[in-house]
Amino acid sequence: MRLPICGFDAKVGVLCPKCEAKLREGELSRSDVDISFMLAKLGGRLPLLEKLTLKRALEIDGDIVLLLGQGDMSAIRGNSSFPRELEGALSRRVWLSEAESDDRRFTESLVFPAKIMTMNTVWLPDGSKIMKVIIPGKRSPRFPVDLDKVKRIVKETRNIDLVVRFEK
């Protein structure tokens, strides 16, 4: 797996001076470093991890958000058991998306397996954005995604307020 820190640092669990400087300057976050250490330990148990690129990692409400390189989500979708295995290995809920994707693809990957029927964005005069997402069907208690978490993740990563509606 390509990580935001050196591969050697990730395996050893100690940062080299170069990575330490990136952390001090704010180029890397503490979450990037800690989660890189965790993922490096899992490399042998989860072979798909070796094909992925971690661009950024966040911890939001105890969950882990992994922002991956371009094209990595298609590899993950090809192996449907990988997200569950990763969550089991990390003992936390893991959210996966691509770092450089547009707002629609980013949100679609967070609400997967639900589909987004339509999405509208409103830019407010203060520079912030509100995005309204419509998901087909009715909301049921068995809906597979925690939409409150998705809203927090989109707000923290993209600074967009998300409004989710269901079409009946």
N, C-alpha and C. Protein backbone atom coordinates (compact mmCIF):
# COMPACT_ATOMS: atom_id res chain seq x y z
N MET A 1 0.84 -1.18 0.00
CA MET A 1 0.00 0.00 0.00
C MET A 1 0.88 1.24 0.00
N ARG A 2 0.51 2.18 -0.83
CA ARG A 2 1.21 3.45 -0.84
C ARG A 2 0.55 4.34 0.22
N LEU A 3 1.36 4.83 1.13
CA LEU A 3 0.87 5.59 2.29
C LEU A 3 1.41 7.02 2.24
N PRO A 4 0.80 7.93 3.00
CA PRO A 4 1.32 9.30 3.05
C PRO A 4 2.67 9.41 3.78
N ILE A 5 3.05 8.38 4.52
CA ILE A 5 4.35 8.36 5.18
C ILE A 5 5.22 7.30 4.50
N CYS A 6 6.50 7.29 4.80
CA CYS A 6 7.42 6.30 4.22
C CYS A 6 6.99 4.89 4.60
N GLY A 7 7.17 3.95 3.68
CA GLY A 7 6.81 2.56 3.95
C GLY A 7 7.58 1.99 5.12
N PHE A 8 8.85 2.34 5.21
CA PHE A 8 9.68 1.85 6.32
C PHE A 8 9.16 2.38 7.65
N ASP A 9 8.81 3.66 7.68
CA ASP A 9 8.27 4.27 8.90
C ASP A 9 6.99 3.56 9.33
N ALA A 10 6.14 3.25 8.37
CA ALA A 10 4.87 2.60 8.68
C ALA A 10 5.08 1.22 9.27
N LYS A 11 6.07 0.48 8.76
CA LYS A 11 6.31 -0.87 9.27
C LYS A 11 6.99 -0.85 10.64
N VAL A 12 7.88 0.10 10.84
CA VAL A 12 8.61 0.19 12.11
C VAL A 12 7.78 0.86 13.19
N GLY A 13 6.95 1.82 12.81
CA GLY A 13 6.11 2.52 13.78
C GLY A 13 6.75 3.78 14.34
N VAL A 14 7.80 4.27 13.68
CA VAL A 14 8.49 5.48 14.09
C VAL A 14 8.70 6.34 12.85
N LEU A 15 8.52 7.65 12.98
CA LEU A 15 8.67 8.54 11.83
C LEU A 15 10.12 8.97 11.63
N CYS A 16 10.52 9.02 10.36
CA CYS A 16 11.85 9.54 10.01
C CYS A 16 11.81 11.07 10.09
N PRO A 17 12.95 11.73 10.04
CA PRO A 17 12.95 13.20 10.14
C PRO A 17 12.12 13.87 9.03
N LYS A 18 12.11 13.31 7.83
CA LYS A 18 11.36 13.90 6.73
C LYS A 18 9.85 13.84 7.00
N CYS A 19 9.36 12.69 7.45
CA CYS A 19 7.93 12.55 7.75
C CYS A 19 7.57 13.34 9.00
N GLU A 20 8.47 13.41 9.95
CA GLU A 20 8.24 14.20 11.16
C GLU A 20 8.08 15.68 10.80
N ALA A 21 8.88 16.15 9.84
CA ALA A 21 8.77 17.54 9.40
C ALA A 21 7.42 17.77 8.70
N LYS A 22 6.97 16.81 7.91
CA LYS A 22 5.67 16.93 7.25
C LYS A 22 4.55 17.02 8.29
N LEU A 23 4.67 16.26 9.36
CA LEU A 23 3.67 16.29 10.43
C LEU A 23 3.67 17.64 11.14
N ARG A 24 4.86 18.16 11.43
CA ARG A 24 4.98 19.46 12.10
C ARG A 24 4.44 20.59 11.24
N GLU A 25 4.68 20.54 9.93
CA GLU A 25 4.24 21.60 9.02
C GLU A 25 2.76 21.51 8.68
N GLY A 26 2.11 20.44 9.07
CA GLY A 26 0.68 20.30 8.80
C GLY A 26 0.36 19.62 7.49
N GLU A 27 1.37 19.18 6.77
CA GLU A 27 1.15 18.46 5.51
C GLU A 27 0.53 17.10 5.78
N LEU A 28 0.85 16.52 6.93
CA LEU A 28 0.25 15.27 7.41
C LEU A 28 -0.46 15.55 8.72
N SER A 29 -1.53 14.80 8.96
CA SER A 29 -2.22 14.92 10.25
C SER A 29 -1.82 13.74 11.13
N ARG A 30 -2.11 13.84 12.39
CA ARG A 30 -1.83 12.75 13.32
C ARG A 30 -2.63 11.52 12.93
N SER A 31 -3.85 11.71 12.42
CA SER A 31 -4.66 10.58 11.96
C SER A 31 -4.01 9.88 10.77
N ASP A 32 -3.43 10.66 9.85
CA ASP A 32 -2.73 10.06 8.71
C ASP A 32 -1.64 9.10 9.20
N VAL A 33 -0.89 9.54 10.17
CA VAL A 33 0.23 8.75 10.68
C VAL A 33 -0.27 7.51 11.43
N ASP A 34 -1.19 7.71 12.36
CA ASP A 34 -1.68 6.58 13.16
C ASP A 34 -2.36 5.52 12.30
N ILE A 35 -3.17 5.93 11.37
CA ILE A 35 -3.89 4.97 10.52
C ILE A 35 -2.92 4.32 9.54
N SER A 36 -1.90 5.03 9.09
CA SER A 36 -0.89 4.41 8.23
C SER A 36 -0.17 3.29 8.98
N PHE A 37 0.14 3.51 10.26
CA PHE A 37 0.75 2.46 11.07
C PHE A 37 -0.16 1.23 11.14
N MET A 38 -1.47 1.47 11.37
CA MET A 38 -2.42 0.35 11.46
C MET A 38 -2.52 -0.41 10.15
N LEU A 39 -2.61 0.32 9.05
CA LEU A 39 -2.78 -0.34 7.75
C LEU A 39 -1.53 -1.10 7.34
N ALA A 40 -0.35 -0.61 7.70
CA ALA A 40 0.89 -1.30 7.36
C ALA A 40 0.96 -2.66 8.05
N LYS A 41 0.43 -2.76 9.26
CA LYS A 41 0.41 -4.03 9.98
C LYS A 41 -0.54 -5.03 9.34
N LEU A 42 -1.57 -4.52 8.62
CA LEU A 42 -2.57 -5.40 8.01
C LEU A 42 -2.20 -5.84 6.60
N GLY A 43 -1.12 -5.34 6.06
CA GLY A 43 -0.75 -5.61 4.67
C GLY A 43 -0.72 -7.08 4.31
N GLY A 44 -0.19 -7.94 5.17
CA GLY A 44 -0.11 -9.36 4.88
C GLY A 44 -1.45 -10.07 4.96
N ARG A 45 -2.33 -9.60 5.86
CA ARG A 45 -3.63 -10.26 6.05
C ARG A 45 -4.64 -9.88 4.98
N LEU A 46 -4.54 -8.67 4.44
CA LEU A 46 -5.49 -8.19 3.42
C LEU A 46 -4.70 -7.83 2.16
N PRO A 47 -4.57 -8.77 1.22
CA PRO A 47 -3.72 -8.52 0.04
C PRO A 47 -4.19 -7.36 -0.83
N LEU A 48 -5.48 -7.05 -0.83
CA LEU A 48 -5.98 -5.94 -1.65
C LEU A 48 -5.40 -4.61 -1.18
N LEU A 49 -5.03 -4.51 0.08
CA LEU A 49 -4.43 -3.26 0.60
C LEU A 49 -3.18 -2.87 -0.17
N GLU A 50 -2.43 -3.86 -0.65
CA GLU A 50 -1.18 -3.58 -1.35
C GLU A 50 -1.40 -2.85 -2.67
N LYS A 51 -2.61 -2.93 -3.22
CA LYS A 51 -2.91 -2.29 -4.50
C LYS A 51 -3.46 -0.87 -4.34
N LEU A 52 -3.72 -0.44 -3.12
CA LEU A 52 -4.38 0.85 -2.87
C LEU A 52 -3.38 1.95 -2.52
N THR A 53 -3.83 3.18 -2.69
CA THR A 53 -3.04 4.36 -2.32
C THR A 53 -3.84 5.17 -1.31
N LEU A 54 -3.30 5.37 -0.14
CA LEU A 54 -3.96 6.19 0.87
C LEU A 54 -3.48 7.63 0.72
N LYS A 55 -4.41 8.51 0.40
CA LYS A 55 -4.07 9.93 0.26
C LYS A 55 -4.22 10.67 1.58
N ARG A 56 -5.29 10.33 2.31
CA ARG A 56 -5.57 11.02 3.57
C ARG A 56 -6.42 10.11 4.44
N ALA A 57 -6.27 10.22 5.73
CA ALA A 57 -7.07 9.44 6.68
C ALA A 57 -7.57 10.37 7.78
N LEU A 58 -8.81 10.13 8.18
CA LEU A 58 -9.42 10.95 9.23
C LEU A 58 -10.11 10.04 10.23
N GLU A 59 -10.25 10.54 11.44
CA GLU A 59 -11.07 9.88 12.44
C GLU A 59 -12.20 10.83 12.79
N ILE A 60 -13.44 10.38 12.55
CA ILE A 60 -14.62 11.19 12.81
C ILE A 60 -15.57 10.37 13.67
N ASP A 61 -15.84 10.83 14.87
CA ASP A 61 -16.73 10.15 15.81
C ASP A 61 -16.35 8.69 16.03
N GLY A 62 -15.06 8.40 16.09
CA GLY A 62 -14.61 7.04 16.33
C GLY A 62 -14.54 6.18 15.08
N ASP A 63 -15.06 6.66 13.96
CA ASP A 63 -14.98 5.94 12.69
C ASP A 63 -13.74 6.40 11.93
N ILE A 64 -13.29 5.55 11.00
CA ILE A 64 -12.13 5.87 10.18
C ILE A 64 -12.60 6.17 8.77
N VAL A 65 -12.14 7.29 8.22
CA VAL A 65 -12.44 7.68 6.85
C VAL A 65 -11.13 7.59 6.06
N LEU A 66 -11.11 6.74 5.04
CA LEU A 66 -9.93 6.58 4.20
C LEU A 66 -10.21 7.21 2.85
N LEU A 67 -9.42 8.21 2.48
CA LEU A 67 -9.53 8.84 1.18
C LEU A 67 -8.42 8.27 0.32
N LEU A 68 -8.81 7.53 -0.70
CA LEU A 68 -7.89 6.73 -1.50
C LEU A 68 -7.54 7.42 -2.81
N GLY A 69 -6.60 6.81 -3.54
CA GLY A 69 -6.20 7.33 -4.83
C GLY A 69 -7.24 7.05 -5.90
N GLN A 70 -7.04 7.68 -7.04
CA GLN A 70 -8.00 7.56 -8.14
C GLN A 70 -8.02 6.13 -8.68
N GLY A 71 -9.21 5.59 -8.85
CA GLY A 71 -9.39 4.24 -9.38
C GLY A 71 -9.40 3.15 -8.32
N ASP A 72 -9.07 3.49 -7.09
CA ASP A 72 -9.02 2.47 -6.04
C ASP A 72 -10.40 1.95 -5.65
N MET A 73 -11.42 2.78 -5.78
CA MET A 73 -12.76 2.34 -5.40
C MET A 73 -13.27 1.23 -6.32
N SER A 74 -12.88 1.24 -7.58
CA SER A 74 -13.33 0.18 -8.49
C SER A 74 -12.71 -1.16 -8.08
N ALA A 75 -11.48 -1.15 -7.60
CA ALA A 75 -10.86 -2.38 -7.11
C ALA A 75 -11.57 -2.89 -5.86
N ILE A 76 -11.98 -1.99 -5.00
CA ILE A 76 -12.68 -2.36 -3.77
C ILE A 76 -14.07 -2.90 -4.09
N ARG A 77 -14.76 -2.28 -5.04
CA ARG A 77 -16.10 -2.75 -5.43
C ARG A 77 -16.03 -4.15 -6.03
N GLY A 78 -14.90 -4.50 -6.63
CA GLY A 78 -14.73 -5.83 -7.20
C GLY A 78 -14.58 -6.91 -6.14
N ASN A 79 -14.24 -6.53 -4.93
CA ASN A 79 -14.09 -7.48 -3.82
C ASN A 79 -15.03 -7.03 -2.71
N SER A 80 -16.26 -7.52 -2.74
CA SER A 80 -17.29 -7.03 -1.82
C SER A 80 -17.02 -7.35 -0.35
N SER A 81 -16.19 -8.34 -0.06
CA SER A 81 -15.92 -8.69 1.33
C SER A 81 -14.82 -7.83 1.95
N PHE A 82 -14.06 -7.10 1.13
CA PHE A 82 -12.93 -6.32 1.64
C PHE A 82 -13.32 -5.29 2.71
N PRO A 83 -14.36 -4.46 2.48
CA PRO A 83 -14.69 -3.48 3.52
C PRO A 83 -15.02 -4.12 4.88
N ARG A 84 -15.74 -5.25 4.86
CA ARG A 84 -16.06 -5.93 6.13
C ARG A 84 -14.80 -6.48 6.79
N GLU A 85 -13.90 -7.04 5.99
CA GLU A 85 -12.65 -7.57 6.54
C GLU A 85 -11.80 -6.45 7.14
N LEU A 86 -11.77 -5.30 6.47
CA LEU A 86 -11.00 -4.16 6.96
C LEU A 86 -11.59 -3.63 8.27
N GLU A 87 -12.90 -3.54 8.33
CA GLU A 87 -13.56 -3.10 9.56
C GLU A 87 -13.29 -4.08 10.70
N GLY A 88 -13.33 -5.37 10.40
CA GLY A 88 -13.04 -6.37 11.43
C GLY A 88 -11.62 -6.28 11.93
N ALA A 89 -10.67 -6.05 11.02
CA ALA A 89 -9.27 -5.96 11.41
C ALA A 89 -8.97 -4.69 12.21
N LEU A 90 -9.64 -3.60 11.88
CA LEU A 90 -9.41 -2.34 12.59
C LEU A 90 -10.34 -2.15 13.78
N SER A 91 -11.34 -3.01 13.91
CA SER A 91 -12.33 -2.96 14.99
C SER A 91 -13.08 -1.64 15.05
N ARG A 92 -13.29 -1.03 13.90
CA ARG A 92 -14.04 0.22 13.80
C ARG A 92 -14.74 0.28 12.46
N ARG A 93 -15.73 1.14 12.36
CA ARG A 93 -16.42 1.38 11.10
C ARG A 93 -15.47 2.13 10.18
N VAL A 94 -15.36 1.68 8.93
CA VAL A 94 -14.46 2.30 7.96
C VAL A 94 -15.29 2.83 6.79
N TRP A 95 -15.06 4.08 6.43
CA TRP A 95 -15.70 4.72 5.28
C TRP A 95 -14.64 4.90 4.21
N LEU A 96 -14.96 4.52 2.97
CA LEU A 96 -13.99 4.58 1.88
C LEU A 96 -14.49 5.49 0.77
N SER A 97 -13.60 6.31 0.23
CA SER A 97 -13.92 7.14 -0.92
C SER A 97 -12.61 7.56 -1.58
N GLU A 98 -12.73 8.13 -2.78
CA GLU A 98 -11.55 8.61 -3.48
C GLU A 98 -11.33 10.08 -3.14
N ALA A 99 -10.09 10.45 -2.91
CA ALA A 99 -9.76 11.82 -2.48
C ALA A 99 -10.00 12.83 -3.59
N GLU A 100 -9.66 12.49 -4.83
CA GLU A 100 -9.75 13.46 -5.91
C GLU A 100 -11.05 13.39 -6.70
N SER A 101 -12.02 12.65 -6.22
CA SER A 101 -13.28 12.54 -6.96
C SER A 101 -14.11 13.80 -6.78
N ASP A 102 -15.07 13.99 -7.70
CA ASP A 102 -15.95 15.14 -7.56
C ASP A 102 -16.94 14.88 -6.42
N ASP A 103 -17.72 15.90 -6.09
CA ASP A 103 -18.62 15.80 -4.94
C ASP A 103 -19.63 14.67 -5.10
N ARG A 104 -20.14 14.46 -6.30
CA ARG A 104 -21.13 13.41 -6.53
C ARG A 104 -20.53 12.02 -6.29
N ARG A 105 -19.41 11.73 -6.91
CA ARG A 105 -18.78 10.41 -6.74
C ARG A 105 -18.35 10.19 -5.28
N PHE A 106 -17.88 11.25 -4.65
CA PHE A 106 -17.48 11.16 -3.25
C PHE A 106 -18.67 10.75 -2.38
N THR A 107 -19.80 11.42 -2.56
CA THR A 107 -20.99 11.12 -1.78
C THR A 107 -21.57 9.75 -2.14
N GLU A 108 -21.55 9.39 -3.43
CA GLU A 108 -22.05 8.07 -3.85
C GLU A 108 -21.27 6.94 -3.18
N SER A 109 -19.97 7.10 -3.06
CA SER A 109 -19.18 6.04 -2.43
C SER A 109 -19.47 5.94 -0.94
N LEU A 110 -19.87 7.04 -0.30
CA LEU A 110 -20.19 6.99 1.12
C LEU A 110 -21.56 6.36 1.38
N VAL A 111 -22.53 6.57 0.49
CA VAL A 111 -23.86 6.00 0.70
C VAL A 111 -24.02 4.64 0.03
N PHE A 112 -22.97 4.11 -0.61
CA PHE A 112 -23.03 2.80 -1.25
C PHE A 112 -23.49 1.77 -0.23
N PRO A 113 -24.39 0.89 -0.52
CA PRO A 113 -24.94 0.42 -1.79
C PRO A 113 -26.15 1.19 -2.27
N ALA A 114 -26.60 2.20 -1.55
CA ALA A 114 -27.73 3.00 -2.04
C ALA A 114 -27.28 3.81 -3.25
N LYS A 115 -28.19 4.10 -4.12
CA LYS A 115 -27.91 4.89 -5.31
C LYS A 115 -28.40 6.32 -5.10
N ILE A 116 -27.75 7.25 -5.76
CA ILE A 116 -28.20 8.64 -5.73
C ILE A 116 -28.93 8.90 -7.03
N MET A 117 -30.19 9.33 -6.91
CA MET A 117 -30.99 9.60 -8.09
C MET A 117 -30.63 10.97 -8.67
N THR A 118 -30.56 11.97 -7.82
CA THR A 118 -30.20 13.31 -8.28
C THR A 118 -29.50 14.06 -7.16
N MET A 119 -28.73 15.06 -7.58
CA MET A 119 -27.97 15.85 -6.62
C MET A 119 -27.95 17.29 -7.11
N ASN A 120 -28.25 18.22 -6.23
CA ASN A 120 -28.23 19.64 -6.55
C ASN A 120 -27.35 20.36 -5.54
N THR A 121 -26.59 21.33 -6.03
CA THR A 121 -25.71 22.10 -5.16
C THR A 121 -26.13 23.56 -5.19
N VAL A 122 -26.19 24.17 -4.01
CA VAL A 122 -26.51 25.60 -3.89
C VAL A 122 -25.31 26.27 -3.23
N TRP A 123 -24.78 27.30 -3.90
CA TRP A 123 -23.69 28.07 -3.33
C TRP A 123 -24.28 29.28 -2.62
N LEU A 124 -23.93 29.45 -1.38
CA LEU A 124 -24.44 30.55 -0.58
C LEU A 124 -23.52 31.76 -0.68
N PRO A 125 -24.03 32.96 -0.41
CA PRO A 125 -23.21 34.18 -0.53
C PRO A 125 -21.96 34.18 0.34
N ASP A 126 -21.98 33.46 1.46
CA ASP A 126 -20.80 33.43 2.32
C ASP A 126 -19.73 32.46 1.83
N GLY A 127 -19.95 31.80 0.67
CA GLY A 127 -18.96 30.90 0.10
C GLY A 127 -19.18 29.45 0.44
N SER A 128 -20.11 29.15 1.33
CA SER A 128 -20.38 27.76 1.68
C SER A 128 -21.34 27.13 0.67
N LYS A 129 -21.43 25.82 0.73
CA LYS A 129 -22.29 25.08 -0.19
C LYS A 129 -23.26 24.21 0.59
N ILE A 130 -24.44 24.03 0.02
CA ILE A 130 -25.41 23.06 0.51
C ILE A 130 -25.71 22.13 -0.65
N MET A 131 -25.64 20.84 -0.40
CA MET A 131 -25.88 19.86 -1.44
C MET A 131 -27.09 19.02 -1.05
N LYS A 132 -28.07 18.96 -1.92
CA LYS A 132 -29.27 18.17 -1.68
C LYS A 132 -29.16 16.90 -2.51
N VAL A 133 -29.29 15.77 -1.83
CA VAL A 133 -29.20 14.46 -2.47
C VAL A 133 -30.54 13.77 -2.36
N ILE A 134 -31.02 13.20 -3.47
CA ILE A 134 -32.27 12.45 -3.45
C ILE A 134 -31.95 11.00 -3.75
N ILE A 135 -32.39 10.13 -2.84
CA ILE A 135 -32.19 8.69 -2.96
C ILE A 135 -33.54 8.06 -3.27
N PRO A 136 -33.62 7.19 -4.29
CA PRO A 136 -34.91 6.58 -4.62
C PRO A 136 -35.38 5.61 -3.54
N GLY A 137 -36.69 5.52 -3.38
CA GLY A 137 -37.28 4.60 -2.41
C GLY A 137 -37.66 5.28 -1.12
N LYS A 138 -38.10 4.47 -0.19
CA LYS A 138 -38.50 4.99 1.12
C LYS A 138 -37.40 4.69 2.12
N ARG A 139 -37.28 5.58 3.09
CA ARG A 139 -36.32 5.32 4.16
C ARG A 139 -36.93 4.33 5.13
N SER A 140 -36.20 3.29 5.41
CA SER A 140 -36.67 2.28 6.35
C SER A 140 -35.64 2.14 7.47
N PRO A 141 -36.03 1.51 8.56
CA PRO A 141 -35.06 1.30 9.64
C PRO A 141 -33.90 0.39 9.22
N ARG A 142 -34.10 -0.36 8.15
CA ARG A 142 -33.04 -1.26 7.68
C ARG A 142 -32.11 -0.59 6.67
N PHE A 143 -32.23 0.73 6.49
CA PHE A 143 -31.37 1.42 5.54
C PHE A 143 -29.91 1.18 5.94
N PRO A 144 -29.06 0.73 5.00
CA PRO A 144 -27.73 0.24 5.37
C PRO A 144 -26.69 1.29 5.76
N VAL A 145 -27.01 2.58 5.65
CA VAL A 145 -26.01 3.62 5.87
C VAL A 145 -26.49 4.60 6.94
N ASP A 146 -25.60 4.98 7.83
CA ASP A 146 -25.89 5.99 8.83
C ASP A 146 -25.74 7.37 8.18
N LEU A 147 -26.85 7.98 7.81
CA LEU A 147 -26.80 9.24 7.07
C LEU A 147 -26.26 10.40 7.90
N ASP A 148 -26.43 10.35 9.20
CA ASP A 148 -25.86 11.41 10.05
C ASP A 148 -24.34 11.38 9.97
N LYS A 149 -23.76 10.20 9.94
CA LYS A 149 -22.29 10.08 9.80
C LYS A 149 -21.85 10.57 8.43
N VAL A 150 -22.61 10.21 7.39
CA VAL A 150 -22.27 10.67 6.04
C VAL A 150 -22.27 12.19 5.99
N LYS A 151 -23.26 12.81 6.61
CA LYS A 151 -23.33 14.28 6.64
C LYS A 151 -22.10 14.87 7.34
N ARG A 152 -21.71 14.26 8.45
CA ARG A 152 -20.52 14.75 9.19
C ARG A 152 -19.25 14.59 8.37
N ILE A 153 -19.13 13.45 7.67
CA ILE A 153 -17.94 13.19 6.87
C ILE A 153 -17.84 14.19 5.72
N VAL A 154 -18.97 14.44 5.03
CA VAL A 154 -18.97 15.40 3.92
C VAL A 154 -18.66 16.80 4.44
N LYS A 155 -19.18 17.15 5.59
CA LYS A 155 -18.91 18.47 6.17
C LYS A 155 -17.43 18.61 6.54
N GLU A 156 -16.86 17.58 7.18
CA GLU A 156 -15.46 17.65 7.62
C GLU A 156 -14.49 17.62 6.45
N THR A 157 -14.76 16.83 5.41
CA THR A 157 -13.81 16.66 4.33
C THR A 157 -13.98 17.67 3.20
N ARG A 158 -15.22 18.00 2.88
CA ARG A 158 -15.48 18.89 1.74
C ARG A 158 -16.07 20.24 2.13
N ASN A 159 -16.41 20.43 3.39
CA ASN A 159 -17.04 21.65 3.90
C ASN A 159 -18.35 21.94 3.16
N ILE A 160 -19.15 20.90 3.00
CA ILE A 160 -20.45 21.01 2.33
C ILE A 160 -21.52 20.50 3.30
N ASP A 161 -22.58 21.28 3.46
CA ASP A 161 -23.71 20.82 4.25
C ASP A 161 -24.56 19.92 3.36
N LEU A 162 -24.85 18.73 3.82
CA LEU A 162 -25.57 17.74 3.03
C LEU A 162 -26.99 17.60 3.54
N VAL A 163 -27.94 17.61 2.60
CA VAL A 163 -29.35 17.38 2.90
C VAL A 163 -29.77 16.16 2.10
N VAL A 164 -30.27 15.14 2.78
CA VAL A 164 -30.66 13.89 2.12
C VAL A 164 -32.16 13.73 2.18
N ARG A 165 -32.75 13.44 1.05
CA ARG A 165 -34.18 13.20 0.94
C ARG A 165 -34.40 11.87 0.22
N PHE A 166 -35.53 11.25 0.51
CA PHE A 166 -35.90 10.02 -0.16
C PHE A 166 -37.12 10.29 -1.03
N GLU A 167 -37.10 9.76 -2.24
CA GLU A 167 -38.26 9.90 -3.12
C GLU A 167 -39.12 8.67 -2.94
N LYS A 168 -40.40 8.91 -2.71
CA LYS A 168 -41.31 7.79 -2.45
C LYS A 168 -41.86 7.20 -3.72
